[in-house]
Amino acid sequence: MPPTMRVRAPFEQVLDLPPPFALVRLRERSDAFTHALDIASQSGAGTLVYVGRFDLAEFAVVLEPDEPLRTARRALYAGMVALSDALLAYAPPGKLVTVDWPDAIRIDGGLIGGGRLGWPGITREDERPEWLVFGAMIRMVLMSGEEPGAHPLASALEQEGFGDVGAARLTEAFARHLMTACDVWQSDGFDGLAREFVQRLPRTPGVIHEIAENGDLLVRRTGGTGAVRCELLPALNAPSWLDPDTGGPRL
């Protein structure tokens, strides 16, 4: 079953978030993901931690899964579908929003950020975790101070023509689309959500992507036998898009 949105602690609403989300707003330079991990056991599902910044949209949401950790980690895919749909809602016509499995977001090939997942470290694979945290960062403006084109594989919403879409509006859109993604999981089972996710992967002729029962990626070739398995857990331990030195998306 998908993660639920049981809220146990109310917070002042600053963003226009749909029920049952409850907002925790942090000052600039705070870390939304780390803070959400710290308060998850007390604040409960639906708590959304938001950092008000000019250069980044940064937020994290607490979830409460109803299944063992081994399969509950598939909540990452709900978060990534919601994040990409939030971007598509504001993308200029013709912009291609794709996901590099499992966690990075690109627009027309330029890396703009991604998502990550956290859970209580003491939880065994066959135990239901008390909580999960999905966190995201999207680069709004490139702040490297270098010449244009210095980082051709990196981008930002400003560069991609997203106009005046700010971090707050993107966070609000994410919250709405996360509810939709969880509804798909609930009504169609995880296979429905998995289909939504693999549609966001870059298309390669003759290659078929599937998500295994534990969240691993299976890569098959048309007419071939067997599949290449990409394990989800090691990928979650080191987000591909995150620069550990700067704490933001890689350049």
Protein backbone atom coordinates (compact mmCIF):
# COMPACT_ATOMS: atom_id res chain seq x y z
CA MET A 1 0.00 0.00 0.00
CA PRO A 2 1.21 3.56 -0.67
CA PRO A 3 2.40 5.85 2.11
CA THR A 4 -0.45 7.57 3.91
CA MET A 5 -0.89 11.20 4.96
CA ARG A 6 -1.80 10.88 8.64
CA VAL A 7 -1.01 14.24 10.25
CA ARG A 8 -0.49 14.39 13.99
CA ALA A 9 0.83 17.92 14.55
CA PRO A 10 -0.55 21.15 13.00
CA PHE A 11 1.77 23.87 11.73
CA GLU A 12 1.09 27.37 10.52
CA GLN A 13 0.20 27.35 6.84
CA VAL A 14 2.33 29.77 4.81
CA LEU A 15 2.20 28.10 1.41
CA ASP A 16 -1.11 27.17 -0.20
CA LEU A 17 -0.90 23.43 0.47
CA PRO A 18 -3.83 21.03 0.12
CA PRO A 19 -5.01 19.07 3.15
CA PRO A 20 -3.60 17.00 4.80
CA PHE A 21 -0.19 18.69 4.39
CA ALA A 22 1.15 20.72 7.31
CA LEU A 23 3.95 23.23 6.77
CA VAL A 24 7.20 23.74 8.63
CA ARG A 25 9.07 26.71 7.18
CA LEU A 26 12.83 27.11 7.76
CA ARG A 27 15.17 30.00 7.26
CA GLU A 28 17.48 30.21 4.27
CA ARG A 29 20.63 28.05 4.60
CA SER A 30 18.73 25.44 6.62
CA ASP A 31 18.50 21.85 5.36
CA ALA A 32 14.94 20.71 4.71
CA PHE A 33 15.79 17.02 4.31
CA THR A 34 17.86 16.78 7.50
CA HIS A 35 15.27 18.71 9.50
CA ALA A 36 12.47 16.46 8.24
CA LEU A 37 14.46 13.38 9.29
CA ASP A 38 14.94 14.90 12.74
CA ILE A 39 11.24 15.67 13.33
CA ALA A 40 9.59 12.83 11.39
CA SER A 41 8.79 10.64 14.40
CA GLN A 42 7.12 13.51 16.25
CA SER A 43 5.47 15.47 13.43
CA GLY A 44 3.90 12.63 11.47
CA ALA A 45 2.88 12.06 7.86
CA GLY A 46 2.02 15.02 5.70
CA THR A 47 4.50 17.34 7.38
CA LEU A 48 6.21 19.33 4.63
CA VAL A 49 9.44 21.14 5.50
CA TYR A 50 10.20 24.08 3.22
CA VAL A 51 13.27 26.31 2.99
CA GLY A 52 12.62 29.73 1.50
CA ARG A 53 15.51 30.37 -0.92
CA PHE A 54 16.02 32.36 -4.09
CA ASP A 55 18.32 29.95 -5.89
CA LEU A 56 16.74 26.60 -4.94
CA ALA A 57 13.34 25.05 -4.39
CA GLU A 58 14.09 22.87 -1.36
CA PHE A 59 11.53 20.83 0.55
CA ALA A 60 10.93 17.46 2.21
CA VAL A 61 7.77 15.58 3.16
CA VAL A 62 7.16 12.95 5.85
CA LEU A 63 5.29 9.78 4.86
CA GLU A 64 4.05 6.82 6.88
CA PRO A 65 4.12 3.59 4.83
CA ASP A 66 1.91 0.59 5.47
CA GLU A 67 4.35 -2.04 4.24
CA PRO A 68 7.84 -3.34 5.09
CA LEU A 69 10.91 -1.25 4.35
CA ARG A 70 11.96 -3.57 1.52
CA THR A 71 9.02 -2.40 -0.61
CA ALA A 72 8.20 0.89 1.13
CA ARG A 73 11.28 2.47 -0.48
CA ARG A 74 9.27 2.51 -3.69
CA ALA A 75 7.82 5.74 -2.30
CA LEU A 76 10.80 7.37 -4.02
CA TYR A 77 9.02 6.77 -7.32
CA ALA A 78 5.85 8.51 -6.12
CA GLY A 79 7.98 11.51 -5.15
CA MET A 80 9.82 11.56 -8.47
CA VAL A 81 6.60 11.31 -10.49
CA ALA A 82 5.13 14.18 -8.47
CA LEU A 83 8.28 16.26 -8.86
CA SER A 84 8.46 15.81 -12.63
CA ASP A 85 4.72 16.49 -12.99
CA ALA A 86 5.07 19.69 -10.96
CA LEU A 87 7.78 20.85 -13.38
CA LEU A 88 5.74 19.86 -16.42
CA ALA A 89 2.85 21.96 -15.13
CA TYR A 90 4.97 25.11 -15.58
CA ALA A 91 7.33 24.04 -18.37
CA PRO A 92 7.36 26.10 -21.58
CA PRO A 93 6.01 24.24 -24.64
CA GLY A 94 8.42 21.70 -26.05
CA LYS A 95 10.57 21.35 -22.94
CA LEU A 96 11.57 17.75 -22.21
CA VAL A 97 11.51 16.80 -18.53
CA THR A 98 13.21 13.44 -17.86
CA VAL A 99 14.39 11.39 -14.90
CA ASP A 100 17.77 9.68 -14.69
CA TRP A 101 17.04 6.54 -12.67
CA PRO A 102 16.36 6.68 -9.88
CA ASP A 103 16.55 10.21 -8.57
CA ALA A 104 17.85 12.95 -10.93
CA ILE A 105 15.74 15.43 -12.91
CA ARG A 106 16.83 16.94 -16.21
CA ILE A 107 15.27 19.51 -18.53
CA ASP A 108 16.38 19.19 -22.15
CA GLY A 109 19.36 17.21 -20.83
CA GLY A 110 20.49 19.77 -18.25
CA LEU A 111 20.61 18.60 -14.63
CA ILE A 112 18.43 20.76 -12.39
CA GLY A 113 18.16 18.64 -9.23
CA GLY A 114 16.40 15.57 -7.94
CA GLY A 115 14.93 13.68 -5.02
CA ARG A 116 16.16 11.45 -2.20
CA LEU A 117 14.68 9.17 0.43
CA GLY A 118 15.41 8.63 4.12
CA TRP A 119 14.11 6.18 6.74
CA PRO A 120 14.92 5.15 10.34
CA GLY A 121 18.31 3.47 10.30
CA ILE A 122 17.36 0.80 12.82
CA THR A 123 14.53 -0.61 10.69
CA ARG A 124 14.95 -4.15 9.36
CA GLU A 125 14.01 -4.94 5.77
CA ASP A 126 10.96 -6.96 6.84
CA GLU A 127 9.73 -4.32 9.32
CA ARG A 128 7.35 -1.47 8.58
CA PRO A 129 9.32 1.78 9.03
CA GLU A 130 7.76 4.31 11.37
CA TRP A 131 8.27 6.97 8.69
CA LEU A 132 9.91 7.83 5.39
CA VAL A 133 11.13 11.23 4.20
CA PHE A 134 11.16 12.23 0.54
CA GLY A 135 13.30 15.32 -0.05
CA ALA A 136 13.83 17.35 -3.21
CA MET A 137 15.96 20.19 -4.56
CA ILE A 138 15.40 21.99 -7.84
CA ARG A 139 17.83 24.64 -9.04
CA MET A 140 15.97 27.85 -9.82
CA VAL A 141 18.98 30.00 -10.80
CA LEU A 142 22.59 29.14 -11.65
CA MET A 143 24.76 30.91 -9.07
CA SER A 144 28.23 29.64 -10.02
CA GLY A 145 29.48 33.08 -11.10
CA GLU A 146 31.18 31.51 -14.11
CA GLU A 147 30.78 32.26 -17.80
CA PRO A 148 27.60 30.98 -19.51
CA GLY A 149 28.23 27.50 -20.88
CA ALA A 150 30.88 26.66 -18.31
CA HIS A 151 28.69 23.78 -17.10
CA PRO A 152 26.86 22.50 -20.21
CA LEU A 153 25.34 19.52 -18.40
CA ALA A 154 23.75 21.66 -15.67
CA SER A 155 20.77 23.98 -15.92
CA ALA A 156 18.19 25.91 -13.88
CA LEU A 157 14.55 26.85 -14.30
CA GLU A 158 15.46 30.43 -15.11
CA GLN A 159 17.67 29.28 -17.99
CA GLU A 160 14.96 26.96 -19.26
CA GLY A 161 12.40 29.74 -19.60
CA PHE A 162 10.16 28.98 -16.63
CA GLY A 163 9.56 32.70 -16.13
CA ASP A 164 8.43 33.82 -12.70
CA VAL A 165 7.71 30.34 -11.33
CA GLY A 166 9.17 30.53 -7.84
CA ALA A 167 10.10 27.91 -5.27
CA ALA A 168 6.80 28.34 -3.40
CA ARG A 169 4.64 27.68 -6.46
CA LEU A 170 6.72 24.65 -7.42
CA THR A 171 6.41 23.24 -3.88
CA GLU A 172 2.65 23.75 -3.91
CA ALA A 173 2.41 21.94 -7.26
CA PHE A 174 4.55 19.07 -5.94
CA ALA A 175 2.20 18.60 -2.97
CA ARG A 176 -0.83 18.36 -5.26
CA HIS A 177 0.85 15.93 -7.63
CA LEU A 178 2.14 13.78 -4.77
CA MET A 179 -1.45 13.23 -3.68
CA THR A 180 -2.30 12.20 -7.24
CA ALA A 181 0.66 9.79 -7.38
CA CYS A 182 -0.40 8.18 -4.09
CA ASP A 183 -3.96 7.86 -5.44
CA VAL A 184 -2.61 6.03 -8.51
CA TRP A 185 -0.68 3.68 -6.22
CA GLN A 186 -3.79 3.12 -4.11
CA SER A 187 -6.23 2.54 -6.98
CA ASP A 188 -4.06 0.77 -9.58
CA GLY A 189 -1.46 -0.84 -7.34
CA PHE A 190 2.25 -0.13 -7.57
CA ASP A 191 2.36 -1.32 -11.19
CA GLY A 192 0.33 1.73 -12.19
CA LEU A 193 2.77 4.08 -10.49
CA ALA A 194 5.74 2.17 -11.94
CA ARG A 195 4.38 2.72 -15.44
CA GLU A 196 4.06 6.43 -14.70
CA PHE A 197 7.69 6.54 -13.58
CA VAL A 198 9.29 4.60 -16.45
CA GLN A 199 7.56 6.91 -18.95
CA ARG A 200 9.79 9.68 -17.56
CA LEU A 201 13.04 7.81 -18.24
CA PRO A 202 14.97 8.72 -21.41
CA ARG A 203 13.75 6.63 -24.34
CA THR A 204 16.17 4.20 -25.99
CA PRO A 205 14.95 2.16 -28.99
CA GLY A 206 14.73 -1.52 -28.20
CA VAL A 207 15.08 -1.05 -24.43
CA ILE A 208 12.28 -1.81 -21.96
CA HIS A 209 12.37 -0.57 -18.36
CA GLU A 210 10.46 -2.22 -15.51
CA ILE A 211 10.41 -1.70 -11.75
CA ALA A 212 10.80 -4.86 -9.68
CA GLU A 213 8.72 -5.67 -6.60
CA ASN A 214 11.45 -4.32 -4.30
CA GLY A 215 12.02 -1.16 -6.36
CA ASP A 216 15.06 -2.30 -8.38
CA LEU A 217 15.18 -1.27 -12.05
CA LEU A 218 15.05 -4.07 -14.62
CA VAL A 219 16.43 -3.26 -18.07
CA ARG A 220 15.46 -5.59 -20.91
CA ARG A 221 16.18 -5.53 -24.63
CA THR A 222 13.46 -6.37 -27.12
CA GLY A 223 13.86 -9.97 -28.21
CA GLY A 224 16.50 -10.64 -25.58
CA THR A 225 16.43 -13.03 -22.65
CA GLY A 226 16.86 -12.01 -19.05
CA ALA A 227 17.30 -8.51 -17.67
CA VAL A 228 19.98 -6.31 -16.16
CA ARG A 229 19.08 -5.45 -12.56
CA CYS A 230 20.01 -2.05 -11.10
CA GLU A 231 19.67 -2.15 -7.31
CA LEU A 232 17.71 0.68 -5.69
CA LEU A 233 19.19 0.59 -2.18
CA PRO A 234 22.82 1.41 -3.11
CA ALA A 235 21.56 4.21 -5.37
CA LEU A 236 19.55 5.75 -2.52
CA ASN A 237 22.62 5.77 -0.29
CA ALA A 238 24.40 8.18 -2.66
CA PRO A 239 22.00 10.48 -4.60
CA SER A 240 23.39 10.86 -8.11
CA TRP A 241 22.45 14.54 -8.49
CA LEU A 242 23.70 15.82 -5.11
CA ASP A 243 27.09 17.50 -4.72
CA PRO A 244 28.30 16.53 -1.21
CA ASP A 245 30.65 19.52 -1.09
CA THR A 246 28.07 22.23 -1.82
CA GLY A 247 24.96 20.45 -0.56
CA GLY A 248 23.15 21.36 -3.79
CA PRO A 249 22.65 19.93 -7.27
CA ARG A 250 25.84 19.09 -9.15
CA LEU A 251 27.22 21.41 -11.82
